Amino acid sequence: MERFVEDYQKRRLTDRDDIMTAINILMSQGYDEDDLLGEMTKVFYVDLDAFNEVIAHH
């Protein structure tokens, strides 16, 4: 995700299904699990509890 967004433009990513979709897209593009959160937070405000829950079950 080579897209940078100003903080005031970021959407909230809180739904577990949406987080899983973002994870699947990034992983299909070759990102490692360790890089997912960093890439996602470039574009979204990510609910960390929901993200960690999704990653734990991924």
C-alpha atoms as a PDB file:
ATOM      1  CA  MET A   1       0.000   0.000   0.000  1.00  0.00           C
ATOM      2  CA  GLU A   2       2.079   2.892  -1.187  1.00  0.00           C
ATOM      3  CA  ARG A   3      -0.606   5.384  -0.325  1.00  0.00           C
ATOM      4  CA  PHE A   4      -0.182   7.974   2.360  1.00  0.00           C
ATOM      5  CA  VAL A   5      -3.183   9.798   3.739  1.00  0.00           C
ATOM      6  CA  GLU A   6      -3.293  12.804   6.032  1.00  0.00           C
ATOM      7  CA  ASP A   7      -4.479  11.855   9.520  1.00  0.00           C
ATOM      8  CA  TYR A   8      -7.689  13.857   9.193  1.00  0.00           C
ATOM      9  CA  GLN A   9      -8.603  11.833   6.071  1.00  0.00           C
ATOM     10  CA  LYS A  10      -8.203   8.374   7.613  1.00  0.00           C
ATOM     11  CA  ARG A  11     -11.232   6.130   8.048  1.00  0.00           C
ATOM     12  CA  ARG A  12     -11.663   3.938  11.085  1.00  0.00           C
ATOM     13  CA  LEU A  13     -11.084   0.239  10.542  1.00  0.00           C
ATOM     14  CA  THR A  14     -12.881  -1.431  13.459  1.00  0.00           C
ATOM     15  CA  ASP A  15     -14.994  -4.216  11.985  1.00  0.00           C
ATOM     16  CA  ARG A  16     -13.290  -7.608  12.233  1.00  0.00           C
ATOM     17  CA  ASP A  17     -14.491  -8.650   8.775  1.00  0.00           C
ATOM     18  CA  ASP A  18     -13.046  -5.479   7.257  1.00  0.00           C
ATOM     19  CA  ILE A  19      -9.769  -6.020   9.089  1.00  0.00           C
ATOM     20  CA  MET A  20      -9.604  -9.587   7.780  1.00  0.00           C
ATOM     21  CA  THR A  21     -10.276  -8.340   4.251  1.00  0.00           C
ATOM     22  CA  ALA A  22      -7.445  -5.806   4.534  1.00  0.00           C
ATOM     23  CA  ILE A  23      -5.115  -8.506   5.894  1.00  0.00           C
ATOM     24  CA  ASN A  24      -5.985 -10.868   3.055  1.00  0.00           C
ATOM     25  CA  ILE A  25      -5.407  -8.166   0.439  1.00  0.00           C
ATOM     26  CA  LEU A  26      -2.030  -7.213   1.886  1.00  0.00           C
ATOM     27  CA  MET A  27      -0.902 -10.819   2.234  1.00  0.00           C
ATOM     28  CA  SER A  28      -1.937 -11.529  -1.363  1.00  0.00           C
ATOM     29  CA  GLN A  29       0.336  -8.639  -2.355  1.00  0.00           C
ATOM     30  CA  GLY A  30       3.256 -10.289  -0.560  1.00  0.00           C
ATOM     31  CA  TYR A  31       3.328  -8.467   2.775  1.00  0.00           C
ATOM     32  CA  ASP A  32       4.520 -10.435   5.800  1.00  0.00           C
ATOM     33  CA  GLU A  33       2.365 -10.690   8.904  1.00  0.00           C
ATOM     34  CA  ASP A  34       4.850  -8.480  10.782  1.00  0.00           C
ATOM     35  CA  ASP A  35       4.301  -5.644   8.276  1.00  0.00           C
ATOM     36  CA  LEU A  36       0.503  -5.697   8.175  1.00  0.00           C
ATOM     37  CA  LEU A  37      -0.293  -3.284  10.989  1.00  0.00           C
ATOM     38  CA  GLY A  38       2.233  -0.719   9.780  1.00  0.00           C
ATOM     39  CA  GLU A  39       0.809  -0.819   6.267  1.00  0.00           C
ATOM     40  CA  MET A  40      -2.785  -0.647   7.472  1.00  0.00           C
ATOM     41  CA  THR A  41      -2.152   2.330   9.752  1.00  0.00           C
ATOM     42  CA  LYS A  42      -0.817   4.325   6.806  1.00  0.00           C
ATOM     43  CA  VAL A  43      -4.375   4.416   5.480  1.00  0.00           C
ATOM     44  CA  PHE A  44      -6.703   3.661   8.441  1.00  0.00           C
ATOM     45  CA  TYR A  45      -7.112   4.180  12.144  1.00  0.00           C
ATOM     46  CA  VAL A  46      -7.041   0.503  13.136  1.00  0.00           C
ATOM     47  CA  ASP A  47      -8.775  -0.893  16.235  1.00  0.00           C
ATOM     48  CA  LEU A  48      -5.767  -2.628  17.816  1.00  0.00           C
ATOM     49  CA  ASP A  49      -7.810  -5.013  19.949  1.00  0.00           C
ATOM     50  CA  ALA A  50      -9.806  -6.159  16.924  1.00  0.00           C
ATOM     51  CA  PHE A  51      -6.637  -6.418  14.816  1.00  0.00           C
ATOM     52  CA  ASN A  52      -4.883  -8.552  17.436  1.00  0.00           C
ATOM     53  CA  GLU A  53      -7.934 -10.789  17.771  1.00  0.00           C
ATOM     54  CA  VAL A  54      -8.100 -11.311  13.998  1.00  0.00           C
ATOM     55  CA  ILE A  55      -4.350 -11.998  13.745  1.00  0.00           C
ATOM     56  CA  ALA A  56      -4.542 -14.509  16.605  1.00  0.00           C
ATOM     57  CA  HIS A  57      -7.140 -16.506  14.647  1.00  0.00           C
ATOM     58  CA  HIS A  58      -5.540 -16.035  11.216  1.00  0.00           C
END
